[in-house]
Each structure stands twice: as structure tokens, then as C-alpha cells.
Amino acid sequence: SPAAAQPQPGTYRLQVETGMAGGWALSLSAKIQGETETVR
């Protein structure tokens, strides 16, 4: 889920429901103004 406030311009905070301790991977896609491609 996205967090309510972003700490600084260019940073993005998300909350992840991590049911257990350990290593996790967070996959993201981003659309940037003025760019045709999606950043993954």
C-alpha cells in the first residue's frame, strides 16, 4: 500500500504486509512524466 506522505521529492514510501521475518523482494513499476516507457 502507498504511504500517506513521501519523505522527500524523488522518494516513495510504501507499506508492505510482511507476514514473517526474512528476505523480501518488492517489484515496482513507475511512470515518469514525459517518458514513454515504464521503469521496472
Full PDB file with SEQRES, HELIX, SHEET, SSBOND, CRYST1, ORIGX, SCALE, CONECT and MASTER records, all heavy atoms in Angstrom:
SEQRES   1 A   40  SER PRO ALA ALA ALA GLN PRO GLN PRO GLY THR TYR ARG          
SEQRES   2 A   40  LEU GLN VAL GLU THR GLY MET ALA GLY GLY TRP ALA LEU          
SEQRES   3 A   40  SER LEU SER ALA LYS ILE GLN GLY GLU THR GLU THR VAL          
SEQRES   4 A   40  ARG                                                          
SHEET    1 AA1 2 ALA A  30  LYS A  31  0                                        
SHEET    2 AA1 2 THR A  38  VAL A  39 -1                                        
CRYST1    1.000    1.000    1.000  90.00  90.00  90.00 P 1           1          
ORIGX1      1.000000  0.000000  0.000000        0.00000                         
ORIGX2      0.000000  1.000000  0.000000        0.00000                         
ORIGX3      0.000000  0.000000  1.000000        0.00000                         
SCALE1      1.000000  0.000000  0.000000        0.00000                         
SCALE2      0.000000  1.000000  0.000000        0.00000                         
SCALE3      0.000000  0.000000  1.000000        0.00000                         
ATOM      1  N   SER A   1       0.845  -1.194   0.000  1.00  0.00           N  
ATOM      2  CA  SER A   1       0.000   0.000   0.000  1.00  0.00           C  
ATOM      3  C   SER A   1       0.880   1.243   0.000  1.00  0.00           C  
ATOM      4  O   SER A   1       1.912   1.260   0.669  1.00  0.00           O  
ATOM      5  CB  SER A   1      -0.883   0.040   1.247  1.00  0.00           C  
ATOM      6  OG  SER A   1      -1.646  -1.124   1.353  1.00  0.00           O  
ATOM      7  N   PRO A   2       0.482   2.297  -0.709  1.00  0.00           N  
ATOM      8  CA  PRO A   2       1.263   3.540  -0.643  1.00  0.00           C  
ATOM      9  C   PRO A   2       1.102   4.191   0.728  1.00  0.00           C  
ATOM     10  O   PRO A   2       0.027   4.143   1.326  1.00  0.00           O  
ATOM     11  CB  PRO A   2       0.666   4.410  -1.744  1.00  0.00           C  
ATOM     12  CG  PRO A   2      -0.699   3.850  -1.977  1.00  0.00           C  
ATOM     13  CD  PRO A   2      -0.657   2.402  -1.599  1.00  0.00           C  
ATOM     14  N   ALA A   3       2.169   4.780   1.225  1.00  0.00           N  
ATOM     15  CA  ALA A   3       2.108   5.522   2.482  1.00  0.00           C  
ATOM     16  C   ALA A   3       1.557   6.912   2.208  1.00  0.00           C  
ATOM     17  O   ALA A   3       1.623   7.414   1.083  1.00  0.00           O  
ATOM     18  CB  ALA A   3       3.495   5.606   3.121  1.00  0.00           C  
ATOM     19  N   ALA A   4       1.024   7.533   3.235  1.00  0.00           N  
ATOM     20  CA  ALA A   4       0.366   8.833   3.080  1.00  0.00           C  
ATOM     21  C   ALA A   4       1.318   9.930   2.626  1.00  0.00           C  
ATOM     22  O   ALA A   4       1.011  10.704   1.742  1.00  0.00           O  
ATOM     23  CB  ALA A   4      -0.316   9.229   4.381  1.00  0.00           C  
ATOM     24  N   ALA A   5       2.473  10.016   3.255  1.00  0.00           N  
ATOM     25  CA  ALA A   5       3.398  11.120   2.947  1.00  0.00           C  
ATOM     26  C   ALA A   5       4.706  10.576   2.384  1.00  0.00           C  
ATOM     27  O   ALA A   5       5.182   9.537   2.803  1.00  0.00           O  
ATOM     28  CB  ALA A   5       3.678  11.923   4.211  1.00  0.00           C  
ATOM     29  N   GLN A   6       5.252  11.309   1.441  1.00  0.00           N  
ATOM     30  CA  GLN A   6       6.550  10.946   0.876  1.00  0.00           C  
ATOM     31  C   GLN A   6       7.611  11.795   1.570  1.00  0.00           C  
ATOM     32  O   GLN A   6       7.453  13.009   1.686  1.00  0.00           O  
ATOM     33  CB  GLN A   6       6.560  11.170  -0.635  1.00  0.00           C  
ATOM     34  CG  GLN A   6       5.451  10.446  -1.377  1.00  0.00           C  
ATOM     35  CD  GLN A   6       5.358   8.966  -1.042  1.00  0.00           C  
ATOM     36  OE1 GLN A   6       6.345   8.282  -0.870  1.00  0.00           O  
ATOM     37  NE2 GLN A   6       4.146   8.466  -0.935  1.00  0.00           N  
ATOM     38  N   PRO A   7       8.698  11.168   2.034  1.00  0.00           N  
ATOM     39  CA  PRO A   7       9.697  11.883   2.829  1.00  0.00           C  
ATOM     40  C   PRO A   7      10.367  13.064   2.116  1.00  0.00           C  
ATOM     41  O   PRO A   7      10.502  14.131   2.685  1.00  0.00           O  
ATOM     42  CB  PRO A   7      10.728  10.819   3.173  1.00  0.00           C  
ATOM     43  CG  PRO A   7      10.126   9.522   2.804  1.00  0.00           C  
ATOM     44  CD  PRO A   7       9.015   9.782   1.858  1.00  0.00           C  
ATOM     45  N   GLN A   8      10.789  12.871   0.873  1.00  0.00           N  
ATOM     46  CA  GLN A   8      11.481  13.908   0.107  1.00  0.00           C  
ATOM     47  C   GLN A   8      11.091  13.759  -1.358  1.00  0.00           C  
ATOM     48  O   GLN A   8      10.688  12.683  -1.778  1.00  0.00           O  
ATOM     49  CB  GLN A   8      13.000  13.737   0.221  1.00  0.00           C  
ATOM     50  CG  GLN A   8      13.554  13.829   1.603  1.00  0.00           C  
ATOM     51  CD  GLN A   8      15.040  13.447   1.606  1.00  0.00           C  
ATOM     52  OE1 GLN A   8      15.636  13.152   0.593  1.00  0.00           O  
ATOM     53  NE2 GLN A   8      15.628  13.451   2.785  1.00  0.00           N  
ATOM     54  N   PRO A   9      11.257  14.811  -2.145  1.00  0.00           N  
ATOM     55  CA  PRO A   9      10.987  14.659  -3.580  1.00  0.00           C  
ATOM     56  C   PRO A   9      11.880  13.567  -4.170  1.00  0.00           C  
ATOM     57  O   PRO A   9      13.069  13.502  -3.891  1.00  0.00           O  
ATOM     58  CB  PRO A   9      11.345  16.025  -4.166  1.00  0.00           C  
ATOM     59  CG  PRO A   9      11.216  16.975  -3.009  1.00  0.00           C  
ATOM     60  CD  PRO A   9      11.606  16.185  -1.793  1.00  0.00           C  
ATOM     61  N   GLY A  10      11.288  12.684  -4.940  1.00  0.00           N  
ATOM     62  CA  GLY A  10      12.041  11.599  -5.557  1.00  0.00           C  
ATOM     63  C   GLY A  10      12.084  10.339  -4.720  1.00  0.00           C  
ATOM     64  O   GLY A  10      12.591   9.317  -5.172  1.00  0.00           O  
ATOM     65  N   THR A  11      11.567  10.390  -3.491  1.00  0.00           N  
ATOM     66  CA  THR A  11      11.475   9.185  -2.671  1.00  0.00           C  
ATOM     67  C   THR A  11      10.008   8.799  -2.522  1.00  0.00           C  
ATOM     68  O   THR A  11       9.126   9.660  -2.509  1.00  0.00           O  
ATOM     69  CB  THR A  11      12.116   9.368  -1.283  1.00  0.00           C  
ATOM     70  OG1 THR A  11      11.470  10.437  -0.604  1.00  0.00           O  
ATOM     71  CG2 THR A  11      13.610   9.646  -1.388  1.00  0.00           C  
ATOM     72  N   TYR A  12       9.775   7.517  -2.393  1.00  0.00           N  
ATOM     73  CA  TYR A  12       8.424   6.986  -2.342  1.00  0.00           C  
ATOM     74  C   TYR A  12       8.365   5.944  -1.233  1.00  0.00           C  
ATOM     75  O   TYR A  12       9.202   5.049  -1.176  1.00  0.00           O  
ATOM     76  CB  TYR A  12       8.051   6.360  -3.703  1.00  0.00           C  
ATOM     77  CG  TYR A  12       8.212   7.368  -4.818  1.00  0.00           C  
ATOM     78  CD1 TYR A  12       9.436   7.534  -5.460  1.00  0.00           C  
ATOM     79  CD2 TYR A  12       7.167   8.194  -5.174  1.00  0.00           C  
ATOM     80  CE1 TYR A  12       9.601   8.485  -6.448  1.00  0.00           C  
ATOM     81  CE2 TYR A  12       7.318   9.156  -6.176  1.00  0.00           C  
ATOM     82  CZ  TYR A  12       8.540   9.291  -6.797  1.00  0.00           C  
ATOM     83  OH  TYR A  12       8.708  10.245  -7.773  1.00  0.00           O  
ATOM     84  N   ARG A  13       7.388   6.091  -0.343  1.00  0.00           N  
ATOM     85  CA  ARG A  13       7.259   5.174   0.791  1.00  0.00           C  
ATOM     86  C   ARG A  13       6.043   4.287   0.584  1.00  0.00           C  
ATOM     87  O   ARG A  13       4.970   4.760   0.212  1.00  0.00           O  
ATOM     88  CB  ARG A  13       7.142   5.937   2.100  1.00  0.00           C  
ATOM     89  CG  ARG A  13       7.227   5.011   3.297  1.00  0.00           C  
ATOM     90  CD  ARG A  13       7.387   5.706   4.616  1.00  0.00           C  
ATOM     91  NE  ARG A  13       6.538   6.874   4.717  1.00  0.00           N  
ATOM     92  CZ  ARG A  13       6.867   7.952   5.421  1.00  0.00           C  
ATOM     93  NH1 ARG A  13       8.007   8.004   6.062  1.00  0.00           N  
ATOM     94  NH2 ARG A  13       6.049   8.978   5.482  1.00  0.00           N  
ATOM     95  N   LEU A  14       6.241   3.009   0.845  1.00  0.00           N  
ATOM     96  CA  LEU A  14       5.192   2.009   0.710  1.00  0.00           C  
ATOM     97  C   LEU A  14       5.150   1.173   1.979  1.00  0.00           C  
ATOM     98  O   LEU A  14       6.180   0.975   2.631  1.00  0.00           O  
ATOM     99  CB  LEU A  14       5.476   1.098  -0.490  1.00  0.00           C  
ATOM    100  CG  LEU A  14       5.667   1.832  -1.815  1.00  0.00           C  
ATOM    101  CD1 LEU A  14       6.570   1.061  -2.734  1.00  0.00           C  
ATOM    102  CD2 LEU A  14       4.329   2.062  -2.461  1.00  0.00           C  
ATOM    103  N   GLN A  15       3.973   0.688   2.316  1.00  0.00           N  
ATOM    104  CA  GLN A  15       3.875  -0.211   3.455  1.00  0.00           C  
ATOM    105  C   GLN A  15       3.581  -1.610   2.920  1.00  0.00           C  
ATOM    106  O   GLN A  15       2.664  -1.798   2.119  1.00  0.00           O  
ATOM    107  CB  GLN A  15       2.782   0.222   4.425  1.00  0.00           C  
ATOM    108  CG  GLN A  15       2.820  -0.596   5.700  1.00  0.00           C  
ATOM    109  CD  GLN A  15       1.902  -0.019   6.757  1.00  0.00           C  
ATOM    110  OE1 GLN A  15       0.718  -0.251   6.717  1.00  0.00           O  
ATOM    111  NE2 GLN A  15       2.491   0.735   7.671  1.00  0.00           N  
ATOM    112  N   VAL A  16       4.399  -2.563   3.362  1.00  0.00           N  
ATOM    113  CA  VAL A  16       4.275  -3.942   2.908  1.00  0.00           C  
ATOM    114  C   VAL A  16       3.839  -4.796   4.087  1.00  0.00           C  
ATOM    115  O   VAL A  16       4.436  -4.718   5.164  1.00  0.00           O  
ATOM    116  CB  VAL A  16       5.616  -4.456   2.342  1.00  0.00           C  
ATOM    117  CG1 VAL A  16       5.462  -5.885   1.841  1.00  0.00           C  
ATOM    118  CG2 VAL A  16       6.130  -3.550   1.228  1.00  0.00           C  
ATOM    119  N   GLU A  17       2.796  -5.596   3.870  1.00  0.00           N  
ATOM    120  CA  GLU A  17       2.374  -6.544   4.894  1.00  0.00           C  
ATOM    121  C   GLU A  17       3.273  -7.766   4.790  1.00  0.00           C  
ATOM    122  O   GLU A  17       3.079  -8.631   3.942  1.00  0.00           O  
ATOM    123  CB  GLU A  17       0.902  -6.911   4.698  1.00  0.00           C  
ATOM    124  CG  GLU A  17      -0.032  -5.775   5.016  1.00  0.00           C  
ATOM    125  CD  GLU A  17      -1.494  -6.145   4.880  1.00  0.00           C  
ATOM    126  OE1 GLU A  17      -1.822  -7.347   4.772  1.00  0.00           O  
ATOM    127  OE2 GLU A  17      -2.311  -5.215   4.873  1.00  0.00           O  
ATOM    128  N   THR A  18       4.277  -7.783   5.636  1.00  0.00           N  
ATOM    129  CA  THR A  18       5.246  -8.870   5.676  1.00  0.00           C  
ATOM    130  C   THR A  18       4.832  -9.805   6.807  1.00  0.00           C  
ATOM    131  O   THR A  18       5.082  -9.516   7.965  1.00  0.00           O  
ATOM    132  CB  THR A  18       6.663  -8.328   5.897  1.00  0.00           C  
ATOM    133  OG1 THR A  18       6.636  -7.413   7.005  1.00  0.00           O  
ATOM    134  CG2 THR A  18       7.163  -7.575   4.675  1.00  0.00           C  
ATOM    135  N   GLY A  19       4.209 -10.886   6.470  1.00  0.00           N  
ATOM    136  CA  GLY A  19       3.682 -11.795   7.472  1.00  0.00           C  
ATOM    137  C   GLY A  19       4.741 -12.498   8.300  1.00  0.00           C  
ATOM    138  O   GLY A  19       4.444 -12.993   9.377  1.00  0.00           O  
ATOM    139  N   MET A  20       5.971 -12.518   7.795  1.00  0.00           N  
ATOM    140  CA  MET A  20       7.029 -13.173   8.549  1.00  0.00           C  
ATOM    141  C   MET A  20       8.376 -12.507   8.273  1.00  0.00           C  
ATOM    142  O   MET A  20       8.544 -11.812   7.268  1.00  0.00           O  
ATOM    143  CB  MET A  20       7.078 -14.668   8.235  1.00  0.00           C  
ATOM    144  CG  MET A  20       7.335 -15.007   6.792  1.00  0.00           C  
ATOM    145  SD  MET A  20       7.133 -16.760   6.375  1.00  0.00           S  
ATOM    146  CE  MET A  20       8.194 -17.568   7.532  1.00  0.00           C  
ATOM    147  N   ALA A  21       9.285 -12.719   9.183  1.00  0.00           N  
ATOM    148  CA  ALA A  21      10.627 -12.143   9.051  1.00  0.00           C  
ATOM    149  C   ALA A  21      11.386 -12.857   7.940  1.00  0.00           C  
ATOM    150  O   ALA A  21      11.132 -14.014   7.634  1.00  0.00           O  
ATOM    151  CB  ALA A  21      11.374 -12.267  10.377  1.00  0.00           C  
ATOM    152  N   GLY A  22      12.336 -12.135   7.347  1.00  0.00           N  
ATOM    153  CA  GLY A  22      13.178 -12.725   6.315  1.00  0.00           C  
ATOM    154  C   GLY A  22      13.390 -11.779   5.156  1.00  0.00           C  
ATOM    155  O   GLY A  22      13.030 -10.604   5.202  1.00  0.00           O  
ATOM    156  N   GLY A  23      13.979 -12.314   4.108  1.00  0.00           N  
ATOM    157  CA  GLY A  23      14.249 -11.528   2.911  1.00  0.00           C  
ATOM    158  C   GLY A  23      13.024 -11.418   2.025  1.00  0.00           C  
ATOM    159  O   GLY A  23      12.335 -12.407   1.768  1.00  0.00           O  
ATOM    160  N   TRP A  24      12.756 -10.209   1.584  1.00  0.00           N  
ATOM    161  CA  TRP A  24      11.613  -9.919   0.724  1.00  0.00           C  
ATOM    162  C   TRP A  24      12.081  -9.200  -0.528  1.00  0.00           C  
ATOM    163  O   TRP A  24      13.078  -8.482  -0.511  1.00  0.00           O  
ATOM    164  CB  TRP A  24      10.598  -9.035   1.458  1.00  0.00           C  
ATOM    165  CG  TRP A  24       9.795  -9.763   2.478  1.00  0.00           C  
ATOM    166  CD1 TRP A  24      10.196 -10.131   3.730  1.00  0.00           C  
ATOM    167  CD2 TRP A  24       8.461 -10.234   2.335  1.00  0.00           C  
ATOM    168  NE1 TRP A  24       9.202 -10.799   4.374  1.00  0.00           N  
ATOM    169  CE2 TRP A  24       8.104 -10.866   3.542  1.00  0.00           C  
ATOM    170  CE3 TRP A  24       7.527 -10.168   1.317  1.00  0.00           C  
ATOM    171  CZ2 TRP A  24       6.865 -11.437   3.737  1.00  0.00           C  
ATOM    172  CZ3 TRP A  24       6.278 -10.735   1.523  1.00  0.00           C  
ATOM    173  CH2 TRP A  24       5.957 -11.367   2.721  1.00  0.00           C  
ATOM    174  N   ALA A  25      11.329  -9.382  -1.613  1.00  0.00           N  
ATOM    175  CA  ALA A  25      11.559  -8.654  -2.863  1.00  0.00           C  
ATOM    176  C   ALA A  25      10.330  -7.792  -3.141  1.00  0.00           C  
ATOM    177  O   ALA A  25       9.205  -8.268  -3.042  1.00  0.00           O  
ATOM    178  CB  ALA A  25      11.790  -9.622  -4.012  1.00  0.00           C  
ATOM    179  N   LEU A  26      10.570  -6.544  -3.451  1.00  0.00           N  
ATOM    180  CA  LEU A  26       9.500  -5.603  -3.795  1.00  0.00           C  
ATOM    181  C   LEU A  26       9.691  -5.198  -5.254  1.00  0.00           C  
ATOM    182  O   LEU A  26      10.681  -4.546  -5.596  1.00  0.00           O  
ATOM    183  CB  LEU A  26       9.548  -4.378  -2.882  1.00  0.00           C  
ATOM    184  CG  LEU A  26       8.540  -3.269  -3.150  1.00  0.00           C  
ATOM    185  CD1 LEU A  26       7.106  -3.778  -3.014  1.00  0.00           C  
ATOM    186  CD2 LEU A  26       8.785  -2.092  -2.208  1.00  0.00           C  
ATOM    187  N   SER A  27       8.765  -5.619  -6.106  1.00  0.00           N  
ATOM    188  CA  SER A  27       8.811  -5.276  -7.530  1.00  0.00           C  
ATOM    189  C   SER A  27       7.904  -4.083  -7.766  1.00  0.00           C  
ATOM    190  O   SER A  27       6.774  -4.052  -7.292  1.00  0.00           O  
ATOM    191  CB  SER A  27       8.344  -6.460  -8.379  1.00  0.00           C  
ATOM    192  OG  SER A  27       9.165  -7.579  -8.150  1.00  0.00           O  
ATOM    193  N   LEU A  28       8.434  -3.113  -8.510  1.00  0.00           N  
ATOM    194  CA  LEU A  28       7.721  -1.859  -8.749  1.00  0.00           C  
ATOM    195  C   LEU A  28       7.757  -1.493 -10.225  1.00  0.00           C  
ATOM    196  O   LEU A  28       8.727  -1.780 -10.919  1.00  0.00           O  
ATOM    197  CB  LEU A  28       8.388  -0.713  -7.975  1.00  0.00           C  
ATOM    198  CG  LEU A  28       8.587  -0.892  -6.489  1.00  0.00           C  
ATOM    199  CD1 LEU A  28       9.607   0.101  -5.975  1.00  0.00           C  
ATOM    200  CD2 LEU A  28       7.278  -0.706  -5.782  1.00  0.00           C  
ATOM    201  N   SER A  29       6.721  -0.810 -10.657  1.00  0.00           N  
ATOM    202  CA  SER A  29       6.695  -0.179 -11.975  1.00  0.00           C  
ATOM    203  C   SER A  29       6.400   1.291 -11.747  1.00  0.00           C  
ATOM    204  O   SER A  29       5.591   1.635 -10.877  1.00  0.00           O  
ATOM    205  CB  SER A  29       5.614  -0.794 -12.858  1.00  0.00           C  
ATOM    206  OG  SER A  29       5.893  -2.148 -13.116  1.00  0.00           O  
ATOM    207  N   ALA A  30       7.059   2.153 -12.512  1.00  0.00           N  
ATOM    208  CA  ALA A  30       6.874   3.599 -12.351  1.00  0.00           C  
ATOM    209  C   ALA A  30       6.696   4.262 -13.714  1.00  0.00           C  
ATOM    210  O   ALA A  30       7.399   3.928 -14.664  1.00  0.00           O  
ATOM    211  CB  ALA A  30       8.072   4.213 -11.626  1.00  0.00           C  
ATOM    212  N   LYS A  31       5.758   5.190 -13.766  1.00  0.00           N  
ATOM    213  CA  LYS A  31       5.580   6.037 -14.942  1.00  0.00           C  
ATOM    214  C   LYS A  31       6.128   7.410 -14.594  1.00  0.00           C  
ATOM    215  O   LYS A  31       5.809   7.971 -13.553  1.00  0.00           O  
ATOM    216  CB  LYS A  31       4.105   6.168 -15.318  1.00  0.00           C  
ATOM    217  CG  LYS A  31       3.551   5.010 -16.100  1.00  0.00           C  
ATOM    218  CD  LYS A  31       4.325   4.678 -17.318  1.00  0.00           C  
ATOM    219  CE  LYS A  31       3.799   5.277 -18.575  1.00  0.00           C  
ATOM    220  NZ  LYS A  31       4.554   4.875 -19.757  1.00  0.00           N  
ATOM    221  N   ILE A  32       6.953   7.921 -15.476  1.00  0.00           N  
ATOM    222  CA  ILE A  32       7.606   9.208 -15.275  1.00  0.00           C  
ATOM    223  C   ILE A  32       7.060  10.178 -16.314  1.00  0.00           C  
ATOM    224  O   ILE A  32       6.967   9.838 -17.503  1.00  0.00           O  
ATOM    225  CB  ILE A  32       9.136   9.068 -15.418  1.00  0.00           C  
ATOM    226  CG1 ILE A  32       9.640   8.080 -14.368  1.00  0.00           C  
ATOM    227  CG2 ILE A  32       9.827  10.416 -15.304  1.00  0.00           C  
ATOM    228  CD1 ILE A  32      11.055   7.631 -14.589  1.00  0.00           C  
ATOM    229  N   GLN A  33       6.719  11.377 -15.847  1.00  0.00           N  
ATOM    230  CA  GLN A  33       6.177  12.385 -16.754  1.00  0.00           C  
ATOM    231  C   GLN A  33       7.160  12.641 -17.892  1.00  0.00           C  
ATOM    232  O   GLN A  33       8.357  12.835 -17.671  1.00  0.00           O  
ATOM    233  CB  GLN A  33       5.916  13.682 -16.004  1.00  0.00           C  
ATOM    234  CG  GLN A  33       4.784  13.578 -15.026  1.00  0.00           C  
ATOM    235  CD  GLN A  33       4.538  14.883 -14.291  1.00  0.00           C  
ATOM    236  OE1 GLN A  33       5.253  15.860 -14.453  1.00  0.00           O  
ATOM    237  NE2 GLN A  33       3.505  14.900 -13.473  1.00  0.00           N  
ATOM    238  N   GLY A  34       6.643  12.626 -19.119  1.00  0.00           N  
ATOM    239  CA  GLY A  34       7.456  12.922 -20.288  1.00  0.00           C  
ATOM    240  C   GLY A  34       8.182  11.723 -20.869  1.00  0.00           C  
ATOM    241  O   GLY A  34       8.820  11.838 -21.907  1.00  0.00           O  
ATOM    242  N   GLU A  35       8.098  10.568 -20.231  1.00  0.00           N  
ATOM    243  CA  GLU A  35       8.758   9.363 -20.742  1.00  0.00           C  
ATOM    244  C   GLU A  35       7.702   8.396 -21.256  1.00  0.00           C  
ATOM    245  O   GLU A  35       6.644   8.249 -20.646  1.00  0.00           O  
ATOM    246  CB  GLU A  35       9.594   8.679 -19.651  1.00  0.00           C  
ATOM    247  CG  GLU A  35      10.738   9.507 -19.137  1.00  0.00           C  
ATOM    248  CD  GLU A  35      11.845   9.716 -20.163  1.00  0.00           C  
ATOM    249  OE1 GLU A  35      11.812   9.095 -21.252  1.00  0.00           O  
ATOM    250  OE2 GLU A  35      12.741  10.524 -19.896  1.00  0.00           O  
ATOM    251  N   THR A  36       7.994   7.740 -22.353  1.00  0.00           N  
ATOM    252  CA  THR A  36       7.031   6.811 -22.934  1.00  0.00           C  
ATOM    253  C   THR A  36       7.109   5.426 -22.311  1.00  0.00           C  
ATOM    254  O   THR A  36       6.120   4.716 -22.282  1.00  0.00           O  
ATOM    255  CB  THR A  36       7.234   6.693 -24.452  1.00  0.00           C  
ATOM    256  OG1 THR A  36       8.576   6.277 -24.705  1.00  0.00           O  
ATOM    257  CG2 THR A  36       6.972   8.019 -25.138  1.00  0.00           C  
ATOM    258  N   GLU A  37       8.261   5.051 -21.831  1.00  0.00           N  
ATOM    259  CA  GLU A  37       8.432   3.712 -21.270  1.00  0.00           C  
ATOM    260  C   GLU A  37       8.158   3.682 -19.778  1.00  0.00           C  
ATOM    261  O   GLU A  37       8.293   4.687 -19.084  1.00  0.00           O  
ATOM    262  CB  GLU A  37       9.854   3.218 -21.505  1.00  0.00           C  
ATOM    263  CG  GLU A  37      10.119   2.810 -22.917  1.00  0.00           C  
ATOM    264  CD  GLU A  37      11.410   2.033 -23.024  1.00  0.00           C  
ATOM    265  OE1 GLU A  37      12.284   2.196 -22.167  1.00  0.00           O  
ATOM    266  OE2 GLU A  37      11.516   1.246 -23.967  1.00  0.00           O  
ATOM    267  N   THR A  38       7.826   2.498 -19.306  1.00  0.00           N  
ATOM    268  CA  THR A  38       7.639   2.254 -17.883  1.00  0.00           C  
ATOM    269  C   THR A  38       8.956   1.772 -17.297  1.00  0.00           C  
ATOM    270  O   THR A  38       9.623   0.916 -17.873  1.00  0.00           O  
ATOM    271  CB  THR A  38       6.545   1.188 -17.670  1.00  0.00           C  
ATOM    272  OG1 THR A  38       5.325   1.683 -18.226  1.00  0.00           O  
ATOM    273  CG2 THR A  38       6.354   0.875 -16.207  1.00  0.00           C  
ATOM    274  N   VAL A  39       9.324   2.315 -16.141  1.00  0.00           N  
ATOM    275  CA  VAL A  39      10.521   1.879 -15.433  1.00  0.00           C  
ATOM    276  C   VAL A  39      10.102   0.749 -14.506  1.00  0.00           C  
ATOM    277  O   VAL A  39       9.168   0.894 -13.719  1.00  0.00           O  
ATOM    278  CB  VAL A  39      11.147   3.046 -14.635  1.00  0.00           C  
ATOM    279  CG1 VAL A  39      12.326   2.569 -13.813  1.00  0.00           C  
ATOM    280  CG2 VAL A  39      11.545   4.172 -15.567  1.00  0.00           C  
ATOM    281  N   ARG A  40      10.799  -0.382 -14.599  1.00  0.00           N  
ATOM    282  CA  ARG A  40      10.506  -1.536 -13.749  1.00  0.00           C  
ATOM    283  C   ARG A  40      11.761  -1.919 -12.983  1.00  0.00           C  
ATOM    284  O   ARG A  40      12.857  -1.919 -13.544  1.00  0.00           O  
ATOM    285  CB  ARG A  40      10.026  -2.712 -14.591  1.00  0.00           C  
ATOM    286  CG  ARG A  40       8.666  -2.478 -15.214  1.00  0.00           C  
ATOM    287  CD  ARG A  40       8.211  -3.650 -16.085  1.00  0.00           C  
ATOM    288  NE  ARG A  40       6.853  -3.483 -16.531  1.00  0.00           N  
ATOM    289  CZ  ARG A  40       6.504  -2.748 -17.582  1.00  0.00           C  
ATOM    290  NH1 ARG A  40       7.405  -2.116 -18.275  1.00  0.00           N  
ATOM    291  NH2 ARG A  40       5.228  -2.639 -17.921  1.00  0.00           N  
TER     292      ARG A  40                                                      
MASTER        0    0    0    0    2    0    0    6  291    1    0    4          
END                                                                             
